[in-house]
Structures are given as structure tokens and as C-alpha cells.
C-alpha atoms as a PDB file:
ATOM      1  CA  MET A   1     270.518 174.889 -54.430  1.00  0.00           C
ATOM      2  CA  SER A   2     268.842 178.098 -53.344  1.00  0.00           C
ATOM      3  CA  PHE A   3     267.668 178.489 -57.047  1.00  0.00           C
ATOM      4  CA  LEU A   4     266.085 175.126 -56.965  1.00  0.00           C
ATOM      5  CA  ARG A   5     264.255 175.721 -53.509  1.00  0.00           C
ATOM      6  CA  THR A   6     263.062 179.069 -54.818  1.00  0.00           C
ATOM      7  CA  GLY A   7     261.804 177.603 -58.089  1.00  0.00           C
ATOM      8  CA  VAL A   8     260.130 174.709 -56.235  1.00  0.00           C
ATOM      9  CA  ARG A   9     258.386 176.928 -53.620  1.00  0.00           C
ATOM     10  CA  PRO A  10     255.760 178.289 -56.067  1.00  0.00           C
ATOM     11  CA  VAL A  11     254.712 174.635 -57.137  1.00  0.00           C
ATOM     12  CA  VAL A  12     254.607 173.540 -53.493  1.00  0.00           C
ATOM     13  CA  GLN A  13     252.445 176.421 -52.473  1.00  0.00           C
ATOM     14  CA  ALA A  14     250.160 175.767 -55.492  1.00  0.00           C
ATOM     15  CA  ALA A  15     250.052 172.077 -54.625  1.00  0.00           C
ATOM     16  CA  LYS A  16     248.890 173.049 -50.832  1.00  0.00           C
ATOM     17  CA  ALA A  17     246.151 175.466 -52.360  1.00  0.00           C
ATOM     18  CA  THR A  18     244.849 172.696 -54.626  1.00  0.00           C
ATOM     19  CA  SER A  19     244.736 170.414 -51.712  1.00  0.00           C
ATOM     20  CA  TYR A  20     242.743 172.811 -49.660  1.00  0.00           C
ATOM     21  CA  ARG A  21     240.313 173.463 -52.658  1.00  0.00           C
ATOM     22  CA  SER A  22     239.480 169.829 -52.859  1.00  0.00           C
ATOM     23  CA  LYS A  23     237.972 169.922 -49.547  1.00  0.00           C
ATOM     24  CA  VAL A  24     235.387 172.489 -50.620  1.00  0.00           C
ATOM     25  CA  PRO A  25     232.471 171.014 -52.749  1.00  0.00           C
ATOM     26  CA  ALA A  26     232.468 171.944 -56.526  1.00  0.00           C
ATOM     27  CA  ASN A  27     229.130 172.957 -56.390  1.00  0.00           C
ATOM     28  CA  THR A  28     229.310 175.313 -53.382  1.00  0.00           C
ATOM     29  CA  TYR A  29     228.035 178.301 -55.380  1.00  0.00           C
ATOM     30  CA  ALA A  30     224.851 176.243 -56.594  1.00  0.00           C
ATOM     31  CA  THR A  31     224.461 175.035 -53.107  1.00  0.00           C
ATOM     32  CA  LEU A  32     224.420 178.496 -51.698  1.00  0.00           C
ATOM     33  CA  ARG A  33     221.868 179.448 -54.281  1.00  0.00           C
ATOM     34  CA  GLU A  34     219.858 176.470 -53.337  1.00  0.00           C
ATOM     35  CA  ILE A  35     219.852 177.326 -49.800  1.00  0.00           C
ATOM     36  CA  GLU A  36     219.093 181.107 -50.274  1.00  0.00           C
ATOM     37  CA  SER A  37     216.039 179.866 -52.601  1.00  0.00           C
ATOM     38  CA  ARG A  38     214.906 177.333 -49.745  1.00  0.00           C
ATOM     39  CA  LEU A  39     215.299 179.899 -47.038  1.00  0.00           C
ATOM     40  CA  LYS A  40     213.008 182.459 -49.058  1.00  0.00           C
ATOM     41  CA  SER A  41     210.332 179.748 -49.567  1.00  0.00           C
ATOM     42  CA  ILE A  42     210.197 178.940 -45.852  1.00  0.00           C
ATOM     43  CA  LYS A  43     209.650 182.736 -45.093  1.00  0.00           C
ATOM     44  CA  ASN A  44     206.913 182.842 -47.576  1.00  0.00           C
ATOM     45  CA  ILE A  45     205.251 179.785 -45.855  1.00  0.00           C
ATOM     46  CA  GLU A  46     205.886 181.361 -42.509  1.00  0.00           C
ATOM     47  CA  LYS A  47     203.939 184.295 -43.835  1.00  0.00           C
ATOM     48  CA  ILE A  48     201.095 182.456 -45.100  1.00  0.00           C
ATOM     49  CA  THR A  49     200.628 180.169 -41.905  1.00  0.00           C
ATOM     50  CA  ASN A  50     200.522 183.360 -39.669  1.00  0.00           C
ATOM     51  CA  THR A  51     198.020 184.927 -41.779  1.00  0.00           C
ATOM     52  CA  MET A  52     195.928 181.704 -41.729  1.00  0.00           C
ATOM     53  CA  LYS A  53     196.301 181.577 -37.946  1.00  0.00           C
ATOM     54  CA  ILE A  54     195.046 185.154 -37.551  1.00  0.00           C
ATOM     55  CA  VAL A  55     192.072 184.486 -39.854  1.00  0.00           C
ATOM     56  CA  ALA A  56     191.397 181.304 -37.862  1.00  0.00           C
ATOM     57  CA  SER A  57     191.503 183.212 -34.527  1.00  0.00           C
ATOM     58  CA  THR A  58     189.070 185.772 -35.891  1.00  0.00           C
ATOM     59  CA  LYS A  59     186.552 183.135 -37.260  1.00  0.00           C
ATOM     60  CA  LEU A  60     186.726 181.123 -34.113  1.00  0.00           C
ATOM     61  CA  SER A  61     185.128 183.842 -32.001  1.00  0.00           C
ATOM     62  CA  ARG A  62     182.088 184.099 -34.505  1.00  0.00           C
ATOM     63  CA  ALA A  63     181.872 180.394 -34.496  1.00  0.00           C
ATOM     64  CA  GLN A  64     181.719 179.937 -30.760  1.00  0.00           C
ATOM     65  CA  ARG A  65     178.880 182.493 -30.515  1.00  0.00           C
ATOM     66  CA  ALA A  66     177.061 180.480 -33.099  1.00  0.00           C
ATOM     67  CA  MET A  67     177.910 177.302 -31.133  1.00  0.00           C
ATOM     68  CA  PHE A  68     176.544 178.612 -27.836  1.00  0.00           C
ATOM     69  CA  GLU A  69     173.419 179.560 -29.632  1.00  0.00           C
ATOM     70  CA  SER A  70     172.908 176.173 -31.129  1.00  0.00           C
ATOM     71  CA  ARG A  71     173.605 174.418 -27.810  1.00  0.00           C
ATOM     72  CA  ALA A  72     170.862 176.355 -26.195  1.00  0.00           C
ATOM     73  CA  TYR A  73     168.402 174.994 -28.882  1.00  0.00           C
ATOM     74  CA  GLY A  74     169.701 171.516 -29.042  1.00  0.00           C
ATOM     75  CA  GLU A  75     169.877 171.043 -25.048  1.00  0.00           C
ATOM     76  CA  THR A  76     166.442 172.346 -24.887  1.00  0.00           C
ATOM     77  CA  SER A  77     165.289 169.782 -27.507  1.00  0.00           C
ATOM     78  CA  ASP A  78     167.037 166.924 -25.775  1.00  0.00           C
ATOM     79  CA  GLU A  79     165.339 167.884 -22.243  1.00  0.00           C
ATOM     80  CA  ILE A  80     162.111 167.102 -23.934  1.00  0.00           C
ATOM     81  CA  PHE A  81     162.983 163.677 -24.985  1.00  0.00           C
ATOM     82  CA  LYS A  82     164.671 163.069 -21.505  1.00  0.00           C
ATOM     83  CA  LYS A  83     161.411 164.027 -19.702  1.00  0.00           C
ATOM     84  CA  ALA A  84     159.437 161.675 -22.015  1.00  0.00           C
ATOM     85  CA  GLU A  85     161.927 158.886 -21.222  1.00  0.00           C
ATOM     86  CA  THR A  86     162.153 158.419 -25.093  1.00  0.00           C
ATOM     87  CA  ALA A  87     164.598 155.604 -25.964  1.00  0.00           C
ATOM     88  CA  ALA A  88     165.981 154.798 -29.335  1.00  0.00           C
ATOM     89  CA  SER A  89     165.134 151.278 -30.661  1.00  0.00           C
ATOM     90  CA  SER A  90     167.931 148.825 -30.786  1.00  0.00           C
ATOM     91  CA  GLU A  91     166.684 146.796 -33.773  1.00  0.00           C
ATOM     92  CA  GLY A  92     165.508 147.861 -37.369  1.00  0.00           C
ATOM     93  CA  ASN A  93     167.078 150.232 -39.715  1.00  0.00           C
ATOM     94  CA  LYS A  94     169.763 152.330 -38.384  1.00  0.00           C
ATOM     95  CA  LEU A  95     171.190 155.654 -39.706  1.00  0.00           C
ATOM     96  CA  ILE A  96     174.246 157.286 -38.804  1.00  0.00           C
ATOM     97  CA  ILE A  97     174.982 161.024 -39.727  1.00  0.00           C
ATOM     98  CA  VAL A  98     178.517 162.083 -39.758  1.00  0.00           C
ATOM     99  CA  SER A  99     179.375 165.845 -39.333  1.00  0.00           C
ATOM    100  CA  SER A 100     182.533 167.013 -41.053  1.00  0.00           C
ATOM    101  CA  SER A 101     183.544 169.699 -43.547  1.00  0.00           C
ATOM    102  CA  ASP A 102     185.486 170.180 -46.879  1.00  0.00           C
ATOM    103  CA  LYS A 103     188.443 171.842 -45.681  1.00  0.00           C
ATOM    104  CA  GLY A 104     191.859 170.508 -44.345  1.00  0.00           C
ATOM    105  CA  LEU A 105     194.938 171.986 -42.601  1.00  0.00           C
ATOM    106  CA  CYS A 106     193.303 171.549 -39.374  1.00  0.00           C
ATOM    107  CA  GLY A 107     194.959 168.771 -37.773  1.00  0.00           C
ATOM    108  CA  GLY A 108     193.540 165.306 -37.219  1.00  0.00           C
ATOM    109  CA  ILE A 109     190.005 166.545 -36.697  1.00  0.00           C
ATOM    110  CA  HIS A 110     188.458 164.666 -39.588  1.00  0.00           C
ATOM    111  CA  SER A 111     190.390 161.394 -39.140  1.00  0.00           C
ATOM    112  CA  GLN A 112     189.261 161.275 -35.436  1.00  0.00           C
ATOM    113  CA  ILE A 113     185.494 161.616 -36.369  1.00  0.00           C
ATOM    114  CA  SER A 114     186.107 159.016 -38.989  1.00  0.00           C
ATOM    115  CA  LYS A 115     187.662 156.719 -36.451  1.00  0.00           C
ATOM    116  CA  ALA A 116     184.733 156.845 -34.192  1.00  0.00           C
ATOM    117  CA  VAL A 117     182.374 156.046 -37.090  1.00  0.00           C
ATOM    118  CA  ARG A 118     184.394 153.106 -38.081  1.00  0.00           C
ATOM    119  CA  ALA A 119     184.259 151.929 -34.640  1.00  0.00           C
ATOM    120  CA  LYS A 120     180.510 152.187 -34.473  1.00  0.00           C
ATOM    121  CA  LEU A 121     180.067 150.491 -37.936  1.00  0.00           C
ATOM    122  CA  ALA A 122     182.225 147.587 -36.928  1.00  0.00           C
ATOM    123  CA  LEU A 123     179.420 147.139 -34.384  1.00  0.00           C
ATOM    124  CA  GLU A 124     176.555 147.676 -36.754  1.00  0.00           C
ATOM    125  CA  PRO A 125     177.720 147.133 -40.333  1.00  0.00           C
ATOM    126  CA  GLU A 126     174.393 147.277 -42.022  1.00  0.00           C
ATOM    127  CA  ALA A 127     173.982 151.023 -40.940  1.00  0.00           C
ATOM    128  CA  ASP A 128     173.328 153.588 -43.480  1.00  0.00           C
ATOM    129  CA  LEU A 129     175.463 156.638 -43.782  1.00  0.00           C
ATOM    130  CA  VAL A 130     174.786 160.361 -44.465  1.00  0.00           C
ATOM    131  CA  ILE A 131     178.091 162.418 -44.607  1.00  0.00           C
ATOM    132  CA  LEU A 132     178.311 166.132 -44.361  1.00  0.00           C
ATOM    133  CA  GLY A 133     181.635 167.124 -45.895  1.00  0.00           C
ATOM    134  CA  ASP A 134     184.117 165.545 -48.239  1.00  0.00           C
ATOM    135  CA  LYS A 135     186.752 165.022 -45.949  1.00  0.00           C
ATOM    136  CA  ALA A 136     184.883 162.352 -43.932  1.00  0.00           C
ATOM    137  CA  LYS A 137     183.368 161.164 -46.976  1.00  0.00           C
ATOM    138  CA  ILE A 138     186.872 160.320 -48.524  1.00  0.00           C
ATOM    139  CA  GLN A 139     188.086 158.399 -45.566  1.00  0.00           C
ATOM    140  CA  LEU A 140     184.804 156.483 -44.860  1.00  0.00           C
ATOM    141  CA  ALA A 141     184.505 155.708 -48.679  1.00  0.00           C
ATOM    142  CA  ARG A 142     187.506 153.689 -48.690  1.00  0.00           C
ATOM    143  CA  THR A 143     186.015 150.837 -46.554  1.00  0.00           C
ATOM    144  CA  TYR A 144     182.237 151.662 -46.282  1.00  0.00           C
ATOM    145  CA  ALA A 145     181.363 153.095 -49.676  1.00  0.00           C
ATOM    146  CA  SER A 146     178.227 150.798 -49.838  1.00  0.00           C
ATOM    147  CA  ASN A 147     176.901 152.328 -46.749  1.00  0.00           C
ATOM    148  CA  ILE A 148     176.768 155.646 -47.963  1.00  0.00           C
ATOM    149  CA  VAL A 149     173.321 156.738 -49.166  1.00  0.00           C
ATOM    150  CA  LEU A 150     173.651 160.497 -49.220  1.00  0.00           C
ATOM    151  CA  SER A 151     176.326 162.950 -48.929  1.00  0.00           C
ATOM    152  CA  PHE A 152     176.615 166.751 -48.833  1.00  0.00           C
ATOM    153  CA  ASN A 153     179.401 169.248 -49.520  1.00  0.00           C
ATOM    154  CA  GLN A 154     179.717 173.091 -49.010  1.00  0.00           C
ATOM    155  CA  VAL A 155     177.578 172.764 -45.875  1.00  0.00           C
ATOM    156  CA  GLY A 156     178.672 174.836 -43.050  1.00  0.00           C
ATOM    157  CA  LYS A 157     181.364 176.497 -45.276  1.00  0.00           C
ATOM    158  CA  GLU A 158     180.937 179.569 -43.277  1.00  0.00           C
ATOM    159  CA  ILE A 159     178.976 179.864 -40.166  1.00  0.00           C
ATOM    160  CA  PRO A 160     176.235 177.060 -40.185  1.00  0.00           C
ATOM    161  CA  THR A 161     172.758 178.052 -40.143  1.00  0.00           C
ATOM    162  CA  PHE A 162     169.568 176.333 -39.327  1.00  0.00           C
ATOM    163  CA  ALA A 163     168.264 176.570 -42.943  1.00  0.00           C
ATOM    164  CA  GLU A 164     171.188 174.302 -44.138  1.00  0.00           C
ATOM    165  CA  ALA A 165     170.355 171.800 -41.284  1.00  0.00           C
ATOM    166  CA  GLN A 166     166.759 172.049 -42.253  1.00  0.00           C
ATOM    167  CA  THR A 167     167.722 171.151 -45.935  1.00  0.00           C
ATOM    168  CA  VAL A 168     169.751 168.210 -44.879  1.00  0.00           C
ATOM    169  CA  ALA A 169     167.071 166.787 -42.792  1.00  0.00           C
ATOM    170  CA  ASP A 170     164.379 167.180 -45.574  1.00  0.00           C
ATOM    171  CA  GLN A 171     166.758 165.412 -48.025  1.00  0.00           C
ATOM    172  CA  ILE A 172     167.015 162.441 -45.406  1.00  0.00           C
ATOM    173  CA  PHE A 173     163.114 162.103 -45.309  1.00  0.00           C
ATOM    174  CA  LYS A 174     162.902 162.269 -48.888  1.00  0.00           C
ATOM    175  CA  LEU A 175     165.087 159.005 -49.190  1.00  0.00           C
ATOM    176  CA  GLY A 176     161.702 157.237 -48.435  1.00  0.00           C
ATOM    177  CA  LYS A 177     163.306 154.771 -46.034  1.00  0.00           C
ATOM    178  CA  THR A 178     162.131 154.549 -42.407  1.00  0.00           C
ATOM    179  CA  TYR A 179     164.653 154.340 -39.775  1.00  0.00           C
ATOM    180  CA  ASP A 180     164.267 153.047 -36.405  1.00  0.00           C
ATOM    181  CA  SER A 181     167.313 154.589 -34.849  1.00  0.00           C
ATOM    182  CA  ILE A 182     169.199 157.767 -35.876  1.00  0.00           C
ATOM    183  CA  GLU A 183     172.648 158.798 -34.392  1.00  0.00           C
ATOM    184  CA  ILE A 184     174.770 161.845 -35.234  1.00  0.00           C
ATOM    185  CA  PHE A 185     178.409 161.851 -34.961  1.00  0.00           C
ATOM    186  CA  TYR A 186     180.203 165.175 -34.524  1.00  0.00           C
ATOM    187  CA  ASN A 187     183.221 166.805 -32.856  1.00  0.00           C
ATOM    188  CA  LYS A 188     182.246 168.145 -29.463  1.00  0.00           C
ATOM    189  CA  PHE A 189     184.059 171.522 -28.435  1.00  0.00           C
ATOM    190  CA  LYS A 190     185.660 171.411 -24.949  1.00  0.00           C
ATOM    191  CA  SER A 191     188.158 174.176 -24.998  1.00  0.00           C
ATOM    192  CA  GLY A 192     190.377 176.332 -27.260  1.00  0.00           C
ATOM    193  CA  ILE A 193     192.840 173.560 -27.665  1.00  0.00           C
ATOM    194  CA  SER A 194     190.815 170.275 -27.261  1.00  0.00           C
ATOM    195  CA  PHE A 195     187.749 168.485 -28.826  1.00  0.00           C
ATOM    196  CA  GLU A 196     186.304 164.882 -28.779  1.00  0.00           C
ATOM    197  CA  PRO A 197     184.300 162.979 -31.173  1.00  0.00           C
ATOM    198  CA  THR A 198     180.719 162.578 -29.763  1.00  0.00           C
ATOM    199  CA  SER A 199     177.413 161.110 -30.812  1.00  0.00           C
ATOM    200  CA  VAL A 200     173.812 162.327 -30.011  1.00  0.00           C
ATOM    201  CA  PRO A 201     170.691 160.380 -30.848  1.00  0.00           C
ATOM    202  CA  ALA A 202     167.906 161.831 -33.057  1.00  0.00           C
ATOM    203  CA  TYR A 203     164.596 159.886 -32.095  1.00  0.00           C
ATOM    204  CA  THR A 204     162.070 158.996 -34.646  1.00  0.00           C
ATOM    205  CA  GLU A 205     158.343 159.502 -34.650  1.00  0.00           C
ATOM    206  CA  GLU A 206     157.710 155.829 -33.395  1.00  0.00           C
ATOM    207  CA  SER A 207     160.313 156.229 -30.611  1.00  0.00           C
ATOM    208  CA  LEU A 208     158.600 159.494 -29.404  1.00  0.00           C
ATOM    209  CA  LYS A 209     154.936 157.892 -29.485  1.00  0.00           C
ATOM    210  CA  SER A 210     156.130 154.920 -27.424  1.00  0.00           C
ATOM    211  CA  SER A 211     157.768 156.955 -24.867  1.00  0.00           C
ATOM    212  CA  PRO A 212     156.333 156.249 -21.257  1.00  0.00           C
ATOM    213  CA  ASN A 213     155.787 159.895 -20.682  1.00  0.00           C
ATOM    214  CA  PHE A 214     154.674 160.961 -23.992  1.00  0.00           C
ATOM    215  CA  SER A 215     150.961 161.834 -22.941  1.00  0.00           C
ATOM    216  CA  ALA A 216     152.311 164.229 -20.294  1.00  0.00           C
ATOM    217  CA  TYR A 217     153.089 166.746 -22.991  1.00  0.00           C
ATOM    218  CA  ASP A 218     149.466 166.749 -24.522  1.00  0.00           C
ATOM    219  CA  ILE A 219     150.886 166.554 -28.009  1.00  0.00           C
ATOM    220  CA  GLU A 220     148.540 165.590 -30.606  1.00  0.00           C
ATOM    221  CA  GLU A 221     149.756 162.460 -32.585  1.00  0.00           C
ATOM    222  CA  ASP A 222     149.681 164.146 -35.971  1.00  0.00           C
ATOM    223  CA  LEU A 223     152.039 166.728 -34.694  1.00  0.00           C
ATOM    224  CA  ALA A 224     154.544 164.049 -33.574  1.00  0.00           C
ATOM    225  CA  GLN A 225     155.971 163.842 -36.911  1.00  0.00           C
ATOM    226  CA  ASP A 226     156.658 167.623 -37.162  1.00  0.00           C
ATOM    227  CA  LEU A 227     158.190 167.588 -33.803  1.00  0.00           C
ATOM    228  CA  THR A 228     160.666 164.846 -34.661  1.00  0.00           C
ATOM    229  CA  GLU A 229     161.527 166.560 -38.100  1.00  0.00           C
ATOM    230  CA  PHE A 230     162.306 169.665 -36.188  1.00  0.00           C
ATOM    231  CA  ALA A 231     164.305 167.870 -33.598  1.00  0.00           C
ATOM    232  CA  LEU A 232     166.395 166.105 -36.269  1.00  0.00           C
ATOM    233  CA  ALA A 233     167.229 169.486 -37.930  1.00  0.00           C
ATOM    234  CA  ASN A 234     167.990 171.165 -34.711  1.00  0.00           C
ATOM    235  CA  ALA A 235     170.381 168.221 -33.755  1.00  0.00           C
ATOM    236  CA  ILE A 236     172.130 168.493 -37.223  1.00  0.00           C
ATOM    237  CA  TYR A 237     172.383 172.262 -36.551  1.00  0.00           C
ATOM    238  CA  TRP A 238     173.974 171.699 -33.107  1.00  0.00           C
ATOM    239  CA  ALA A 239     176.485 169.017 -34.721  1.00  0.00           C
ATOM    240  CA  LEU A 240     177.429 171.500 -37.540  1.00  0.00           C
ATOM    241  CA  ALA A 241     177.995 174.461 -35.214  1.00  0.00           C
ATOM    242  CA  GLU A 242     180.110 172.465 -32.771  1.00  0.00           C
ATOM    243  CA  GLY A 243     182.230 170.986 -35.490  1.00  0.00           C
ATOM    244  CA  HIS A 244     182.684 174.222 -37.071  1.00  0.00           C
ATOM    245  CA  ALA A 245     184.110 175.786 -33.934  1.00  0.00           C
ATOM    246  CA  CYS A 246     186.306 172.514 -33.446  1.00  0.00           C
ATOM    247  CA  GLU A 247     187.535 173.089 -36.993  1.00  0.00           C
ATOM    248  CA  GLN A 248     188.532 176.751 -36.555  1.00  0.00           C
ATOM    249  CA  SER A 249     190.212 176.032 -33.185  1.00  0.00           C
ATOM    250  CA  ALA A 250     192.174 173.044 -34.714  1.00  0.00           C
ATOM    251  CA  ARG A 251     193.138 175.111 -37.655  1.00  0.00           C
ATOM    252  CA  ARG A 252     194.491 177.919 -35.450  1.00  0.00           C
ATOM    253  CA  SER A 253     196.492 175.211 -33.435  1.00  0.00           C
ATOM    254  CA  ALA A 254     197.802 173.627 -36.698  1.00  0.00           C
ATOM    255  CA  MET A 255     198.864 177.059 -38.175  1.00  0.00           C
ATOM    256  CA  ASP A 256     200.258 177.926 -35.019  1.00  0.00           C
ATOM    257  CA  ASN A 257     202.542 174.969 -34.915  1.00  0.00           C
ATOM    258  CA  ALA A 258     203.438 175.329 -38.505  1.00  0.00           C
ATOM    259  CA  SER A 259     204.690 178.924 -38.126  1.00  0.00           C
ATOM    260  CA  LYS A 260     206.770 177.925 -35.048  1.00  0.00           C
ATOM    261  CA  ASN A 261     208.325 174.869 -37.151  1.00  0.00           C
ATOM    262  CA  ALA A 262     208.890 177.543 -39.993  1.00  0.00           C
ATOM    263  CA  GLY A 263     210.575 179.739 -37.638  1.00  0.00           C
ATOM    264  CA  ASP A 264     212.991 176.914 -36.349  1.00  0.00           C
ATOM    265  CA  MET A 265     213.844 175.911 -40.033  1.00  0.00           C
ATOM    266  CA  ILE A 266     214.464 179.660 -41.031  1.00  0.00           C
ATOM    267  CA  GLY A 267     216.871 179.674 -38.074  1.00  0.00           C
ATOM    268  CA  LYS A 268     218.739 176.460 -38.989  1.00  0.00           C
ATOM    269  CA  TYR A 269     218.924 177.511 -42.854  1.00  0.00           C
ATOM    270  CA  SER A 270     220.101 181.007 -41.870  1.00  0.00           C
ATOM    271  CA  ILE A 271     222.914 179.477 -39.965  1.00  0.00           C
ATOM    272  CA  LEU A 272     223.672 177.033 -42.833  1.00  0.00           C
ATOM    273  CA  TYR A 273     223.613 179.907 -45.359  1.00  0.00           C
ATOM    274  CA  ASN A 274     226.072 181.925 -43.339  1.00  0.00           C
ATOM    275  CA  ARG A 275     228.502 179.015 -42.729  1.00  0.00           C
ATOM    276  CA  THR A 276     228.185 178.129 -46.575  1.00  0.00           C
ATOM    277  CA  ARG A 277     228.885 181.716 -47.551  1.00  0.00           C
ATOM    278  CA  GLN A 278     231.803 182.125 -45.074  1.00  0.00           C
ATOM    279  CA  ALA A 279     233.267 178.954 -46.657  1.00  0.00           C
ATOM    280  CA  VAL A 280     232.976 180.462 -50.175  1.00  0.00           C
ATOM    281  CA  ILE A 281     234.486 183.625 -48.898  1.00  0.00           C
ATOM    282  CA  THR A 282     237.344 181.762 -47.354  1.00  0.00           C
ATOM    283  CA  ASN A 283     238.089 179.881 -50.361  1.00  0.00           C
ATOM    284  CA  GLU A 284     238.208 182.783 -52.486  1.00  0.00           C
ATOM    285  CA  LEU A 285     240.727 184.589 -50.257  1.00  0.00           C
ATOM    286  CA  VAL A 286     242.896 181.486 -50.195  1.00  0.00           C
ATOM    287  CA  ASP A 287     242.953 181.659 -53.918  1.00  0.00           C
ATOM    288  CA  ILE A 288     243.955 185.329 -54.043  1.00  0.00           C
ATOM    289  CA  ILE A 289     246.540 184.868 -51.470  1.00  0.00           C
ATOM    290  CA  THR A 290     247.866 181.830 -53.283  1.00  0.00           C
ATOM    291  CA  GLY A 291     248.051 183.405 -56.469  1.00  0.00           C
ATOM    292  CA  ALA A 292     249.775 186.571 -54.962  1.00  0.00           C
ATOM    293  CA  SER A 293     252.250 184.384 -53.305  1.00  0.00           C
ATOM    294  CA  SER A 294     253.093 182.339 -56.351  1.00  0.00           C
ATOM    295  CA  LEU A 295     254.087 185.658 -58.228  1.00  0.00           C
ATOM    296  CA  GLN A 296     256.591 186.562 -55.687  1.00  0.00           C
END
């Protein structure tokens, strides 16, 4: 009887070990390698997002300086039209200029400006569109492709300049179409973490000449066209500079959030990796102990 118990004992112990191993997935080693590979990828992504955050922070300070300079010119130009009591025409051909950019990874900055433009086009569906930047162009072309008469890319790729704004204004005048109302949509910089879609009018020569207080400035009529062309370029430059500062601010915030999310994922995957590794070690120890016990 004792012989039978002795002979049966290794078989029972082996059965217990087999039952325990069945609880551990067969692809534990593959899963461990997959977790290790995923953990390495997330760490690399965290390095990239941290670097992009630093770059955006550096560019933001320069973008803010350019923005404040453009505001001085833009507000001074607006003051002239305010004192002249210039008003945009509510009838006739209308033009909407959208200030965006070509780059992404900056949150919802492009979708918000596109949303504001779509709301405007819902009220004035016949208005023409001039779009600066591929991001807004792609979004608006889905529903208003026929309204787009001119588009630009690589504008304001770095710090926007007045020369770029002047080139855009010249191309608009070369369209050969007379517009009675021009409105520029852009993202207005409010703080380092907030911005809002805003529009500013750009007055035409006819609107300026019909201003009630136009004669108070003693401007010759043949110079009115030059003034309106300069004012349009000035307004476009203002919009580009504001939008560029908003883009860098939004990119810095987006990369900061991405880095934090990557850090959270690294913590979770590290815990999962350690637990899976411990399970593999425990399984191997059980196999060794079981094999040693079966030889006794």
C-alpha cells in the first residue's frame, strides 16, 4: 500500500503542476516582449513630445514679440478708419480671408477657425474665400470648395513678415474682381493658454471715400487706393502674427499634455511588465521545484 502511495505521488504532483501552468498564458514570453517593445516606443514618443514642447516654448517668445509689433501697426490703421467712421458695405461682392497655417499637432486651433468661417458662410453663402494655410483649406474645401478663389501655403512658416502679407494682398488685387466688403478671420491671442477666433474688417477704397469724416484727413482721392491696399496688407500681417503666436502656444500645450499622457502610460506599462515578468519567473520556479520533487 505504501508502494502504491509512493508511486502515485509523482503523478499527482505532476498533475498539480500541469494544472497551475494551464492558468498562465501560453504566449507569456511573447507578451513580455511585446510589452517591452511598447514601453520602449512610448518612451521614445515622450522624448519627441518633450523636445517639441521646448522648441514651441522657444518659438513662442519670438512669436509674441512679432505679434505685439504687428498689433501696433494694425491698431493704428484701425484708428484711422474709426475716426473717419468708415463702414463696410452690407451688399455687393464679399471676400473672406482665412488666416491659418500648414502645420498640425497644435490642438483644435485650425478646426475652431474653420468652424467660425463656416458659421459666417452659412449667412453669406456667396462670399469668396482666400485661405492662408493648408489646414483650413482642407477643412473648408469639404463643403465650400467652390467658394475658394485663392489659397496660399508656406505663408508664415516661421515668423510672419509684412512682405509676405503684401504679397498676399497683391495677389488678391490681381484677381480683377471688385469687392465691396472684406473680412479677415484669424485666431486672436489672449494668453499663453487661450485664444479665440476673431474677425476684423478690411475696408475698400469706395468705403473709405464714402466715410462721413473722410475729408477731415485731407487725403487726395488718388491716394485712397494706396491707403486701402496698405491697410489690407497691414491687417493680413496682423492676422498672420496673431495666428502664429496662437499656433505656437497651442502646440506647446498639446505637447505638454502628450508628454504627461506618455508618462502615465509608461507607469502603467512598467507595472504590467513587472507583473508579467514576475509571473514568468514564478512559473519557471514552479517547474523547477516540481521537477526536483518528482525525482525524489
